Amino acid sequence: MAFLDALVTDPEYQDKPEQSSRPFDKKRSGFIPSHGSATLILEDLEHARKRGAKIYAEILAVGANSNENHLPIPSADAQMHLMKAIIQRAGIKPEEIDYVNCHATGTPLGDLNELTAIKGALGKHIYNIKLNAPKSMMGHTTWGAALVETISGVLQINHGKLHGTTNIDDLDEEVDVDVCQNGSIDYPVNIMLKNSFGFGGLNSCSLIKRYEEGK
């Protein structure tokens, strides 16, 4: 993994692990493995209402595809096609998406590939919304990352506030969108796009909507 620039090996970060996860920063050099787990309970809306459950959000669509690659080399094209597919499946327009909870591991190639894919799926609308990178604060919780970060996104939707992407000291000049590099911000979100990509070219994306009682 270090040979593929996927793990941080820079000497300057060995004694400063809190600074080593740097999505979208010029000095990003890989991800930091971390520990974490999460559980989501999915159920029919009427069933949740009947039992008086607290409903945090609604899932509009989920999809997955594969780059057909054994190495952790991302494919912006495969990611873009997946995002377009779930947008169509959900029956919404790209302009209805307010926020992207990025996979953004902090690898030199992966972050820019993801942005390319999002731009391909959302077009110019990407410049009207905000993105952030949970891994900048938590590291990469590997197999738990998709659920851990989905929950972080749902909580941000519920609180109407996005966390900042930390450790961006020098934003990569190719990152020309708002990745919350200046810290947390009050920001209402109705629909979130959540990206999760994995080794072997596995891609998963979901569209999650803020829950409103009676709608």
N, C-alpha and C. Protein backbone atom coordinates (compact mmCIF):
# COMPACT_ATOMS: atom_id res chain seq x y z
N MET A 1 0.81 -1.20 0.00
CA MET A 1 0.00 0.00 0.00
C MET A 1 0.85 1.26 0.00
N ALA A 2 1.95 1.26 0.75
CA ALA A 2 2.84 2.42 0.75
C ALA A 2 3.47 2.61 -0.62
N PHE A 3 3.79 1.49 -1.28
CA PHE A 3 4.39 1.55 -2.61
C PHE A 3 3.44 2.21 -3.61
N LEU A 4 2.14 2.08 -3.39
CA LEU A 4 1.13 2.64 -4.29
C LEU A 4 0.69 4.03 -3.87
N ASP A 5 1.40 4.65 -2.91
CA ASP A 5 1.05 5.99 -2.39
C ASP A 5 -0.34 5.99 -1.75
N ALA A 6 -0.71 4.89 -1.13
CA ALA A 6 -2.02 4.81 -0.49
C ALA A 6 -1.94 5.06 1.01
N LEU A 7 -0.77 4.82 1.61
CA LEU A 7 -0.58 5.03 3.05
C LEU A 7 0.43 6.14 3.30
N VAL A 8 0.20 6.92 4.34
CA VAL A 8 1.13 7.98 4.69
C VAL A 8 2.40 7.40 5.29
N THR A 9 3.52 7.70 4.67
CA THR A 9 4.81 7.25 5.20
C THR A 9 5.77 8.42 5.42
N ASP A 10 5.33 9.64 5.16
CA ASP A 10 6.18 10.81 5.30
C ASP A 10 6.74 10.91 6.72
N PRO A 11 8.05 11.06 6.86
CA PRO A 11 8.67 11.16 8.20
C PRO A 11 8.08 12.28 9.04
N GLU A 12 7.71 13.40 8.42
CA GLU A 12 7.24 14.56 9.19
C GLU A 12 5.92 14.31 9.91
N TYR A 13 5.18 13.26 9.47
CA TYR A 13 3.89 13.00 10.10
C TYR A 13 3.91 11.82 11.06
N GLN A 14 5.04 11.16 11.20
CA GLN A 14 5.09 9.97 12.05
C GLN A 14 4.84 10.30 13.52
N ASP A 15 5.26 11.49 13.94
CA ASP A 15 5.02 11.91 15.32
C ASP A 15 3.86 12.90 15.43
N LYS A 16 3.17 13.14 14.29
CA LYS A 16 2.03 14.06 14.28
C LYS A 16 0.89 13.43 13.48
N PRO A 17 0.39 12.30 13.94
CA PRO A 17 -0.64 11.60 13.17
C PRO A 17 -1.90 12.42 12.95
N GLU A 18 -2.19 13.35 13.87
CA GLU A 18 -3.39 14.16 13.73
C GLU A 18 -3.32 15.11 12.52
N GLN A 19 -2.11 15.31 11.99
CA GLN A 19 -1.93 16.19 10.84
C GLN A 19 -1.74 15.42 9.53
N SER A 20 -1.74 14.12 9.60
CA SER A 20 -1.33 13.33 8.45
C SER A 20 -2.44 13.03 7.44
N SER A 21 -3.68 13.08 7.87
CA SER A 21 -4.79 12.84 6.94
C SER A 21 -5.16 14.18 6.32
N ARG A 22 -4.86 14.36 5.02
CA ARG A 22 -4.93 15.69 4.41
C ARG A 22 -5.66 15.68 3.07
N PRO A 23 -6.92 15.28 3.03
CA PRO A 23 -7.64 15.31 1.76
C PRO A 23 -7.63 16.71 1.14
N PHE A 24 -7.37 16.75 -0.15
CA PHE A 24 -7.40 17.97 -0.97
C PHE A 24 -6.23 18.92 -0.73
N ASP A 25 -5.36 18.61 0.20
CA ASP A 25 -4.18 19.46 0.46
C ASP A 25 -3.05 19.07 -0.51
N LYS A 26 -2.22 20.02 -0.86
CA LYS A 26 -1.11 19.75 -1.77
C LYS A 26 -0.18 18.66 -1.23
N LYS A 27 -0.04 18.57 0.08
CA LYS A 27 0.90 17.63 0.67
C LYS A 27 0.24 16.31 1.07
N ARG A 28 -0.95 16.05 0.59
CA ARG A 28 -1.60 14.76 0.90
C ARG A 28 -0.73 13.64 0.33
N SER A 29 -0.64 12.58 1.07
CA SER A 29 0.25 11.49 0.62
C SER A 29 -0.31 10.12 0.95
N GLY A 30 -1.61 10.04 1.24
CA GLY A 30 -2.20 8.75 1.54
C GLY A 30 -3.16 8.83 2.70
N PHE A 31 -3.70 7.68 3.08
CA PHE A 31 -4.66 7.68 4.18
C PHE A 31 -4.06 7.10 5.45
N ILE A 32 -4.73 7.37 6.54
CA ILE A 32 -4.33 6.87 7.85
C ILE A 32 -5.35 5.84 8.32
N PRO A 33 -4.96 4.58 8.49
CA PRO A 33 -5.92 3.58 8.97
C PRO A 33 -6.37 3.93 10.39
N SER A 34 -7.64 3.73 10.67
CA SER A 34 -8.17 3.99 12.00
C SER A 34 -9.23 2.95 12.33
N HIS A 35 -9.76 3.02 13.52
CA HIS A 35 -10.76 2.05 13.96
C HIS A 35 -12.12 2.74 14.08
N GLY A 36 -13.15 2.02 13.75
CA GLY A 36 -14.50 2.56 13.90
C GLY A 36 -15.53 1.56 13.38
N SER A 37 -16.72 1.65 13.93
CA SER A 37 -17.80 0.79 13.47
C SER A 37 -19.11 1.55 13.61
N ALA A 38 -20.12 1.10 12.90
CA ALA A 38 -21.40 1.79 12.94
C ALA A 38 -22.51 0.84 12.53
N THR A 39 -23.73 1.17 12.91
CA THR A 39 -24.90 0.39 12.53
C THR A 39 -26.01 1.33 12.10
N LEU A 40 -26.61 1.01 10.98
CA LEU A 40 -27.78 1.74 10.51
C LEU A 40 -28.99 0.80 10.52
N ILE A 41 -30.12 1.30 10.97
CA ILE A 41 -31.35 0.52 10.93
C ILE A 41 -32.21 1.06 9.79
N LEU A 42 -32.49 0.20 8.82
CA LEU A 42 -33.32 0.59 7.68
C LEU A 42 -34.67 -0.10 7.81
N GLU A 43 -35.74 0.67 7.65
CA GLU A 43 -37.06 0.07 7.71
C GLU A 43 -38.06 0.89 6.90
N ASP A 44 -39.16 0.27 6.63
CA ASP A 44 -40.24 0.93 5.91
C ASP A 44 -40.72 2.14 6.72
N LEU A 45 -41.03 3.22 6.01
CA LEU A 45 -41.41 4.47 6.68
C LEU A 45 -42.62 4.28 7.59
N GLU A 46 -43.65 3.61 7.09
CA GLU A 46 -44.85 3.44 7.90
C GLU A 46 -44.58 2.59 9.14
N HIS A 47 -43.69 1.60 8.99
CA HIS A 47 -43.34 0.77 10.15
C HIS A 47 -42.64 1.60 11.21
N ALA A 48 -41.72 2.47 10.77
CA ALA A 48 -40.99 3.34 11.70
C ALA A 48 -41.95 4.29 12.41
N ARG A 49 -42.87 4.85 11.66
CA ARG A 49 -43.85 5.77 12.27
C ARG A 49 -44.74 5.04 13.28
N LYS A 50 -45.15 3.82 12.92
CA LYS A 50 -46.05 3.07 13.78
C LYS A 50 -45.43 2.75 15.12
N ARG A 51 -44.13 2.46 15.14
CA ARG A 51 -43.49 2.11 16.41
C ARG A 51 -42.89 3.33 17.12
N GLY A 52 -43.09 4.52 16.53
CA GLY A 52 -42.64 5.76 17.16
C GLY A 52 -41.14 5.96 17.13
N ALA A 53 -40.50 5.42 16.12
CA ALA A 53 -39.04 5.55 16.02
C ALA A 53 -38.63 6.97 15.65
N LYS A 54 -37.48 7.37 16.10
CA LYS A 54 -36.91 8.64 15.65
C LYS A 54 -36.34 8.40 14.25
N ILE A 55 -36.82 9.14 13.30
CA ILE A 55 -36.39 8.97 11.92
C ILE A 55 -35.36 10.05 11.59
N TYR A 56 -34.16 9.61 11.22
CA TYR A 56 -33.08 10.55 10.97
C TYR A 56 -33.01 11.02 9.53
N ALA A 57 -33.38 10.16 8.59
CA ALA A 57 -33.26 10.52 7.17
C ALA A 57 -33.96 9.47 6.33
N GLU A 58 -34.12 9.79 5.05
CA GLU A 58 -34.70 8.85 4.09
C GLU A 58 -33.68 8.51 3.01
N ILE A 59 -33.62 7.26 2.64
CA ILE A 59 -32.74 6.84 1.56
C ILE A 59 -33.51 6.93 0.24
N LEU A 60 -32.97 7.68 -0.70
CA LEU A 60 -33.60 7.83 -2.00
C LEU A 60 -33.10 6.78 -2.98
N ALA A 61 -31.81 6.47 -2.94
CA ALA A 61 -31.23 5.49 -3.86
C ALA A 61 -29.85 5.08 -3.39
N VAL A 62 -29.49 3.85 -3.69
CA VAL A 62 -28.15 3.32 -3.40
C VAL A 62 -27.71 2.50 -4.62
N GLY A 63 -26.44 2.60 -4.96
CA GLY A 63 -25.94 1.82 -6.09
C GLY A 63 -24.50 1.42 -5.90
N ALA A 64 -24.06 0.43 -6.66
CA ALA A 64 -22.67 -0.03 -6.60
C ALA A 64 -22.24 -0.51 -7.97
N ASN A 65 -20.96 -0.35 -8.24
CA ASN A 65 -20.38 -0.93 -9.46
C ASN A 65 -18.92 -1.24 -9.22
N SER A 66 -18.21 -1.67 -10.24
CA SER A 66 -16.81 -2.06 -10.07
C SER A 66 -15.97 -1.59 -11.25
N ASN A 67 -14.73 -1.18 -10.93
CA ASN A 67 -13.78 -0.80 -11.97
C ASN A 67 -13.12 -2.03 -12.62
N GLU A 68 -13.34 -3.20 -12.03
CA GLU A 68 -12.70 -4.44 -12.47
C GLU A 68 -11.19 -4.32 -12.41
N ASN A 69 -10.70 -3.88 -11.27
CA ASN A 69 -9.26 -3.69 -11.08
C ASN A 69 -8.88 -4.21 -9.70
N HIS A 70 -7.88 -5.06 -9.62
CA HIS A 70 -7.48 -5.63 -8.33
C HIS A 70 -6.72 -4.62 -7.47
N LEU A 71 -6.15 -3.60 -8.08
CA LEU A 71 -5.38 -2.60 -7.34
C LEU A 71 -6.28 -1.45 -6.89
N PRO A 72 -5.86 -0.70 -5.85
CA PRO A 72 -6.66 0.43 -5.39
C PRO A 72 -6.48 1.66 -6.28
N ILE A 73 -6.79 1.48 -7.57
CA ILE A 73 -6.66 2.57 -8.53
C ILE A 73 -8.06 3.03 -8.92
N PRO A 74 -8.45 4.26 -8.58
CA PRO A 74 -9.81 4.72 -8.83
C PRO A 74 -10.09 4.99 -10.31
N SER A 75 -11.35 4.87 -10.67
CA SER A 75 -11.80 5.20 -12.03
C SER A 75 -12.85 6.29 -11.94
N ALA A 76 -12.49 7.49 -12.35
CA ALA A 76 -13.44 8.61 -12.32
C ALA A 76 -14.64 8.31 -13.21
N ASP A 77 -14.41 7.60 -14.31
CA ASP A 77 -15.49 7.30 -15.24
C ASP A 77 -16.51 6.37 -14.59
N ALA A 78 -16.05 5.31 -13.93
CA ALA A 78 -16.96 4.37 -13.27
C ALA A 78 -17.71 5.06 -12.14
N GLN A 79 -17.02 5.89 -11.38
CA GLN A 79 -17.66 6.63 -10.29
C GLN A 79 -18.73 7.57 -10.82
N MET A 80 -18.40 8.28 -11.89
CA MET A 80 -19.36 9.22 -12.48
C MET A 80 -20.61 8.50 -12.96
N HIS A 81 -20.44 7.39 -13.66
CA HIS A 81 -21.59 6.65 -14.17
C HIS A 81 -22.48 6.16 -13.04
N LEU A 82 -21.87 5.77 -11.92
CA LEU A 82 -22.65 5.31 -10.77
C LEU A 82 -23.46 6.47 -10.18
N MET A 83 -22.83 7.62 -10.02
CA MET A 83 -23.56 8.79 -9.48
C MET A 83 -24.72 9.16 -10.38
N LYS A 84 -24.50 9.17 -11.68
CA LYS A 84 -25.58 9.48 -12.61
C LYS A 84 -26.70 8.46 -12.51
N ALA A 85 -26.34 7.20 -12.34
CA ALA A 85 -27.34 6.14 -12.28
C ALA A 85 -28.24 6.28 -11.07
N ILE A 86 -27.67 6.59 -9.90
CA ILE A 86 -28.53 6.69 -8.72
C ILE A 86 -29.35 7.99 -8.73
N ILE A 87 -28.83 9.03 -9.36
CA ILE A 87 -29.63 10.25 -9.50
C ILE A 87 -30.87 9.97 -10.34
N GLN A 88 -30.66 9.24 -11.42
CA GLN A 88 -31.78 8.87 -12.27
C GLN A 88 -32.74 7.94 -11.54
N ARG A 89 -32.19 6.98 -10.81
CA ARG A 89 -33.02 6.02 -10.07
C ARG A 89 -33.87 6.71 -9.01
N ALA A 90 -33.29 7.74 -8.38
CA ALA A 90 -34.01 8.45 -7.34
C ALA A 90 -35.08 9.39 -7.90
N GLY A 91 -35.01 9.65 -9.20
CA GLY A 91 -36.00 10.53 -9.82
C GLY A 91 -35.82 11.98 -9.46
N ILE A 92 -34.56 12.38 -9.22
CA ILE A 92 -34.29 13.78 -8.90
C ILE A 92 -33.38 14.38 -9.97
N LYS A 93 -33.17 15.67 -9.89
CA LYS A 93 -32.25 16.35 -10.77
C LYS A 93 -30.93 16.59 -10.03
N PRO A 94 -29.81 16.63 -10.73
CA PRO A 94 -28.53 16.90 -10.06
C PRO A 94 -28.57 18.19 -9.25
N GLU A 95 -29.35 19.16 -9.70
CA GLU A 95 -29.44 20.46 -9.02
C GLU A 95 -30.12 20.38 -7.66
N GLU A 96 -30.73 19.24 -7.36
CA GLU A 96 -31.40 19.09 -6.06
C GLU A 96 -30.43 18.63 -4.97
N ILE A 97 -29.24 18.22 -5.36
CA ILE A 97 -28.24 17.78 -4.38
C ILE A 97 -27.58 19.01 -3.77
N ASP A 98 -27.50 19.03 -2.43
CA ASP A 98 -26.98 20.19 -1.71
C ASP A 98 -25.56 20.00 -1.20
N TYR A 99 -25.16 18.75 -1.05
CA TYR A 99 -23.92 18.48 -0.31
C TYR A 99 -23.38 17.11 -0.68
N VAL A 100 -22.05 17.01 -0.77
CA VAL A 100 -21.40 15.72 -1.03
C VAL A 100 -20.50 15.37 0.14
N ASN A 101 -20.77 14.23 0.75
CA ASN A 101 -19.92 13.67 1.79
C ASN A 101 -18.92 12.78 1.06
N CYS A 102 -17.70 13.28 0.89
CA CYS A 102 -16.74 12.66 -0.01
C CYS A 102 -16.04 11.43 0.58
N HIS A 103 -15.64 10.55 -0.31
CA HIS A 103 -14.79 9.43 0.09
C HIS A 103 -13.41 9.96 0.47
N ALA A 104 -12.85 10.83 -0.36
CA ALA A 104 -11.63 11.60 -0.12
C ALA A 104 -10.70 11.04 0.94
N THR A 105 -9.83 10.14 0.54
CA THR A 105 -8.91 9.50 1.49
C THR A 105 -7.63 10.29 1.73
N GLY A 106 -7.35 11.24 0.86
CA GLY A 106 -6.09 11.98 0.98
C GLY A 106 -4.98 11.38 0.13
N THR A 107 -5.33 10.52 -0.82
CA THR A 107 -4.32 10.00 -1.73
C THR A 107 -4.13 10.98 -2.89
N PRO A 108 -2.93 11.05 -3.45
CA PRO A 108 -2.67 12.01 -4.53
C PRO A 108 -3.62 11.84 -5.71
N LEU A 109 -3.91 10.60 -6.08
CA LEU A 109 -4.76 10.35 -7.25
C LEU A 109 -6.24 10.32 -6.91
N GLY A 110 -6.58 9.68 -5.80
CA GLY A 110 -7.98 9.43 -5.48
C GLY A 110 -8.83 10.67 -5.31
N ASP A 111 -8.33 11.68 -4.61
CA ASP A 111 -9.13 12.88 -4.35
C ASP A 111 -9.52 13.59 -5.64
N LEU A 112 -8.56 13.74 -6.54
CA LEU A 112 -8.83 14.46 -7.79
C LEU A 112 -9.72 13.63 -8.71
N ASN A 113 -9.55 12.32 -8.70
CA ASN A 113 -10.44 11.46 -9.49
C ASN A 113 -11.87 11.58 -9.01
N GLU A 114 -12.05 11.63 -7.70
CA GLU A 114 -13.41 11.76 -7.17
C GLU A 114 -14.03 13.09 -7.58
N LEU A 115 -13.27 14.16 -7.50
CA LEU A 115 -13.79 15.47 -7.92
C LEU A 115 -14.15 15.47 -9.40
N THR A 116 -13.32 14.84 -10.21
CA THR A 116 -13.62 14.74 -11.64
C THR A 116 -14.93 14.00 -11.86
N ALA A 117 -15.14 12.93 -11.11
CA ALA A 117 -16.37 12.14 -11.23
C ALA A 117 -17.59 12.96 -10.80
N ILE A 118 -17.47 13.69 -9.70
CA ILE A 118 -18.59 14.50 -9.21
C ILE A 118 -18.93 15.59 -10.21
N LYS A 119 -17.90 16.21 -10.78
CA LYS A 119 -18.14 17.24 -11.79
C LYS A 119 -18.85 16.65 -13.00
N GLY A 120 -18.46 15.45 -13.38
CA GLY A 120 -19.09 14.80 -14.51
C GLY A 120 -20.55 14.49 -14.25
N ALA A 121 -20.88 14.18 -13.00
CA ALA A 121 -22.26 13.83 -12.64
C ALA A 121 -23.14 15.04 -12.38
N LEU A 122 -22.56 16.07 -11.77
CA LEU A 122 -23.36 17.23 -11.37
C LEU A 122 -23.19 18.44 -12.28
N GLY A 123 -22.16 18.42 -13.12
CA GLY A 123 -21.92 19.57 -13.99
C GLY A 123 -21.55 20.80 -13.19
N LYS A 124 -21.96 21.96 -13.68
CA LYS A 124 -21.62 23.23 -13.04
C LYS A 124 -22.27 23.40 -11.67
N HIS A 125 -23.26 22.56 -11.39
CA HIS A 125 -23.93 22.67 -10.09
C HIS A 125 -22.97 22.41 -8.93
N ILE A 126 -21.87 21.73 -9.19
CA ILE A 126 -20.91 21.46 -8.12
C ILE A 126 -20.39 22.75 -7.50
N TYR A 127 -20.42 23.83 -8.26
CA TYR A 127 -19.92 25.11 -7.75
C TYR A 127 -20.96 25.84 -6.89
N ASN A 128 -22.15 25.26 -6.78
CA ASN A 128 -23.20 25.86 -5.96
C ASN A 128 -23.35 25.16 -4.61
N ILE A 129 -22.61 24.07 -4.41
CA ILE A 129 -22.80 23.26 -3.21
C ILE A 129 -21.50 23.14 -2.42
N LYS A 130 -21.58 22.40 -1.31
CA LYS A 130 -20.40 22.20 -0.48
C LYS A 130 -20.08 20.72 -0.36
N LEU A 131 -18.79 20.46 -0.18
CA LEU A 131 -18.29 19.11 -0.01
C LEU A 131 -17.41 19.09 1.23
N ASN A 132 -17.28 17.95 1.88
CA ASN A 132 -16.27 17.82 2.94
C ASN A 132 -15.77 16.40 3.01
N ALA A 133 -14.72 16.21 3.81
CA ALA A 133 -14.03 14.92 3.87
C ALA A 133 -13.94 14.44 5.32
N PRO A 134 -14.81 13.52 5.75
CA PRO A 134 -14.77 13.01 7.12
C PRO A 134 -13.43 12.40 7.50
N LYS A 135 -12.74 11.77 6.53
CA LYS A 135 -11.48 11.10 6.84
C LYS A 135 -10.40 12.08 7.29
N SER A 136 -10.56 13.36 7.01
CA SER A 136 -9.57 14.33 7.46
C SER A 136 -9.51 14.37 8.98
N MET A 137 -10.63 14.05 9.64
CA MET A 137 -10.69 14.06 11.10
C MET A 137 -10.61 12.67 11.71
N MET A 138 -11.17 11.68 11.02
CA MET A 138 -11.29 10.34 11.60
C MET A 138 -10.27 9.34 11.08
N GLY A 139 -9.59 9.67 10.01
CA GLY A 139 -8.78 8.67 9.35
C GLY A 139 -9.69 7.74 8.56
N HIS A 140 -9.14 6.67 8.05
CA HIS A 140 -9.89 5.73 7.22
C HIS A 140 -10.27 4.52 8.07
N THR A 141 -11.54 4.41 8.41
CA THR A 141 -12.01 3.29 9.24
C THR A 141 -12.24 2.04 8.39
N THR A 142 -11.59 2.00 7.24
CA THR A 142 -11.56 0.86 6.31
C THR A 142 -12.97 0.28 6.08
N TRP A 143 -13.20 -0.99 6.52
CA TRP A 143 -14.47 -1.64 6.22
C TRP A 143 -15.66 -0.94 6.87
N GLY A 144 -15.42 -0.18 7.91
CA GLY A 144 -16.52 0.53 8.56
C GLY A 144 -16.76 1.91 8.00
N ALA A 145 -15.89 2.36 7.09
CA ALA A 145 -15.92 3.76 6.64
C ALA A 145 -17.25 4.18 6.04
N ALA A 146 -17.82 3.35 5.18
CA ALA A 146 -19.06 3.75 4.50
C ALA A 146 -20.17 4.06 5.49
N LEU A 147 -20.36 3.19 6.48
CA LEU A 147 -21.42 3.42 7.46
C LEU A 147 -21.07 4.53 8.44
N VAL A 148 -19.84 4.53 8.93
CA VAL A 148 -19.41 5.57 9.86
C VAL A 148 -19.61 6.95 9.24
N GLU A 149 -19.19 7.10 8.00
CA GLU A 149 -19.27 8.40 7.35
C GLU A 149 -20.69 8.74 6.91
N THR A 150 -21.49 7.74 6.59
CA THR A 150 -22.89 7.99 6.28
C THR A 150 -23.60 8.57 7.50
N ILE A 151 -23.32 8.00 8.66
CA ILE A 151 -23.91 8.51 9.89
C ILE A 151 -23.43 9.93 10.16
N SER A 152 -22.16 10.20 9.92
CA SER A 152 -21.67 11.56 10.12
C SER A 152 -22.40 12.54 9.20
N GLY A 153 -22.68 12.09 7.97
CA GLY A 153 -23.41 12.94 7.05
C GLY A 153 -24.85 13.17 7.48
N VAL A 154 -25.51 12.11 7.95
CA VAL A 154 -26.90 12.22 8.41
C VAL A 154 -26.99 13.17 9.60
N LEU A 155 -26.04 13.09 10.50
CA LEU A 155 -26.04 13.98 11.66
C LEU A 155 -25.83 15.43 11.23
N GLN A 156 -24.99 15.64 10.23
CA GLN A 156 -24.80 16.99 9.72
C GLN A 156 -26.09 17.52 9.09
N ILE A 157 -26.81 16.65 8.37
CA ILE A 157 -28.09 17.04 7.80
C ILE A 157 -29.05 17.46 8.91
N ASN A 158 -29.10 16.66 9.97
CA ASN A 158 -30.04 16.93 11.06
C ASN A 158 -29.72 18.21 11.82
N HIS A 159 -28.44 18.53 11.91
CA HIS A 159 -28.04 19.72 12.67
C HIS A 159 -27.91 20.96 11.79
N GLY A 160 -27.99 20.78 10.47
CA GLY A 160 -27.87 21.93 9.58
C GLY A 160 -26.51 22.59 9.67
N LYS A 161 -25.48 21.77 9.90
CA LYS A 161 -24.13 22.29 10.04
C LYS A 161 -23.14 21.28 9.49
N LEU A 162 -22.22 21.75 8.64
CA LEU A 162 -21.21 20.88 8.06
C LEU A 162 -19.88 21.05 8.78
N HIS A 163 -19.17 19.94 9.01
CA HIS A 163 -17.84 20.05 9.61
C HIS A 163 -16.83 20.48 8.55
N GLY A 164 -15.76 21.07 8.99
CA GLY A 164 -14.72 21.47 8.06
C GLY A 164 -13.87 20.29 7.64
N THR A 165 -13.18 20.43 6.52
CA THR A 165 -12.17 19.45 6.12
C THR A 165 -10.86 19.93 6.71
N THR A 166 -10.32 19.18 7.66
CA THR A 166 -9.15 19.64 8.40
C THR A 166 -7.85 19.38 7.64
N ASN A 167 -6.80 19.99 8.14
CA ASN A 167 -5.44 19.80 7.62
C ASN A 167 -5.23 20.31 6.20
N ILE A 168 -6.09 21.22 5.74
CA ILE A 168 -5.83 21.84 4.44
C ILE A 168 -5.05 23.12 4.69
N ASP A 169 -3.75 23.01 4.64
CA ASP A 169 -2.89 24.18 4.82
C ASP A 169 -2.60 24.86 3.49
N ASP A 170 -2.60 24.06 2.43
CA ASP A 170 -2.33 24.59 1.09
C ASP A 170 -3.19 23.82 0.10
N LEU A 171 -4.34 24.39 -0.22
CA LEU A 171 -5.30 23.71 -1.08
C LEU A 171 -4.71 23.43 -2.46
N ASP A 172 -4.86 22.19 -2.91
CA ASP A 172 -4.40 21.82 -4.24
C ASP A 172 -5.06 22.75 -5.27
N GLU A 173 -4.26 23.31 -6.17
CA GLU A 173 -4.80 24.26 -7.14
C GLU A 173 -5.84 23.64 -8.07
N GLU A 174 -5.86 22.31 -8.16
CA GLU A 174 -6.87 21.66 -8.99
C GLU A 174 -8.20 21.49 -8.28
N VAL A 175 -8.21 21.78 -6.99
CA VAL A 175 -9.46 21.71 -6.22
C VAL A 175 -10.11 23.09 -6.27
N ASP A 176 -11.04 23.26 -7.18
CA ASP A 176 -11.66 24.57 -7.40
C ASP A 176 -13.10 24.63 -6.91
N VAL A 177 -13.43 23.76 -5.94
CA VAL A 177 -14.78 23.74 -5.38
C VAL A 177 -14.68 23.95 -3.87
N ASP A 178 -15.83 24.17 -3.23
CA ASP A 178 -15.86 24.45 -1.79
C ASP A 178 -15.84 23.14 -1.02
N VAL A 179 -14.68 22.82 -0.43
CA VAL A 179 -14.54 21.59 0.35
C VAL A 179 -14.49 21.90 1.85
N CYS A 180 -15.08 23.02 2.24
CA CYS A 180 -15.16 23.43 3.65
C CYS A 180 -13.77 23.52 4.28
N GLN A 181 -12.83 24.06 3.50
CA GLN A 181 -11.45 24.16 3.99
C GLN A 181 -11.28 25.21 5.09
N ASN A 182 -12.28 26.07 5.26
CA ASN A 182 -12.16 27.14 6.26
C ASN A 182 -12.85 26.82 7.57
N GLY A 183 -13.26 25.57 7.73
CA GLY A 183 -13.87 25.17 9.00
C GLY A 183 -15.35 24.87 8.87
N SER A 184 -15.97 24.56 9.99
CA SER A 184 -17.39 24.20 10.00
C SER A 184 -18.26 25.40 9.63
N ILE A 185 -19.45 25.10 9.13
CA ILE A 185 -20.32 26.17 8.64
C ILE A 185 -21.77 25.75 8.78
N ASP A 186 -22.63 26.72 9.16
CA ASP A 186 -24.06 26.46 9.17
C ASP A 186 -24.52 26.36 7.72
N TYR A 187 -25.21 25.27 7.40
CA TYR A 187 -25.56 25.04 6.00
C TYR A 187 -26.71 24.04 5.93
N PRO A 188 -27.88 24.48 5.49
CA PRO A 188 -29.02 23.56 5.39
C PRO A 188 -28.84 22.57 4.25
N VAL A 189 -29.11 21.30 4.53
CA VAL A 189 -28.99 20.25 3.53
C VAL A 189 -30.31 19.51 3.42
N ASN A 190 -30.81 19.37 2.20
CA ASN A 190 -32.00 18.56 1.97
C ASN A 190 -31.62 17.19 1.42
N ILE A 191 -30.69 17.17 0.44
CA ILE A 191 -30.25 15.90 -0.14
C ILE A 191 -28.72 15.82 -0.15
N MET A 192 -28.21 14.72 0.36
CA MET A 192 -26.78 14.48 0.42
C MET A 192 -26.40 13.34 -0.53
N LEU A 193 -25.29 13.52 -1.24
CA LEU A 193 -24.67 12.44 -2.00
C LEU A 193 -23.51 11.91 -1.17
N LYS A 194 -23.54 10.63 -0.86
CA LYS A 194 -22.46 10.00 -0.09
C LYS A 194 -21.68 9.05 -0.99
N ASN A 195 -20.37 9.28 -1.07
CA ASN A 195 -19.49 8.43 -1.88
C ASN A 195 -18.65 7.52 -0.99
N SER A 196 -18.53 6.27 -1.39
CA SER A 196 -17.66 5.31 -0.69
C SER A 196 -17.04 4.40 -1.74
N PHE A 197 -15.72 4.43 -1.82
CA PHE A 197 -15.01 3.64 -2.82
C PHE A 197 -14.03 2.72 -2.11
N GLY A 198 -13.77 1.56 -2.70
CA GLY A 198 -12.93 0.60 -2.00
C GLY A 198 -11.88 -0.04 -2.87
N PHE A 199 -11.00 -0.82 -2.23
CA PHE A 199 -9.95 -1.53 -2.93
C PHE A 199 -10.56 -2.49 -3.95
N GLY A 200 -9.82 -2.74 -4.99
CA GLY A 200 -10.33 -3.62 -6.03
C GLY A 200 -11.30 -2.93 -6.97
N GLY A 201 -11.36 -1.59 -6.88
CA GLY A 201 -12.23 -0.85 -7.78
C GLY A 201 -13.70 -0.94 -7.47
N LEU A 202 -14.06 -1.15 -6.19
CA LEU A 202 -15.46 -1.21 -5.80
C LEU A 202 -15.96 0.19 -5.47
N ASN A 203 -17.11 0.55 -6.03
CA ASN A 203 -17.68 1.88 -5.82
C ASN A 203 -19.10 1.76 -5.30
N SER A 204 -19.44 2.61 -4.34
CA SER A 204 -20.80 2.65 -3.83
C SER A 204 -21.18 4.10 -3.57
N CYS A 205 -22.38 4.48 -3.99
CA CYS A 205 -22.87 5.84 -3.76
C CYS A 205 -24.32 5.77 -3.28
N SER A 206 -24.70 6.73 -2.48
CA SER A 206 -26.08 6.77 -2.00
C SER A 206 -26.58 8.20 -1.98
N LEU A 207 -27.88 8.35 -2.11
CA LEU A 207 -28.54 9.65 -1.99
C LEU A 207 -29.45 9.59 -0.78
N ILE A 208 -29.25 10.50 0.15
CA ILE A 208 -29.98 10.49 1.41
C ILE A 208 -30.64 11.85 1.62
N LYS A 209 -31.91 11.82 2.02
CA LYS A 209 -32.73 13.04 2.13
C LYS A 209 -33.09 13.35 3.57
N ARG A 210 -33.10 14.60 3.89
CA ARG A 210 -33.54 15.04 5.21
C ARG A 210 -35.00 14.64 5.42
N TYR A 211 -35.29 14.08 6.59
CA TYR A 211 -36.67 13.64 6.86
C TYR A 211 -37.52 14.80 7.36
N GLU A 212 -38.71 14.92 6.77
CA GLU A 212 -39.66 15.92 7.20
C GLU A 212 -40.98 15.23 7.50
N GLU A 213 -41.44 15.35 8.71
CA GLU A 213 -42.69 14.71 9.12
C GLU A 213 -43.84 15.21 8.28
N GLY A 214 -44.63 14.26 7.79
CA GLY A 214 -45.82 14.62 7.03
C GLY A 214 -45.58 14.76 5.55
N LYS A 215 -44.30 14.56 5.10
CA LYS A 215 -44.00 14.70 3.67
C LYS A 215 -43.49 13.37 3.12
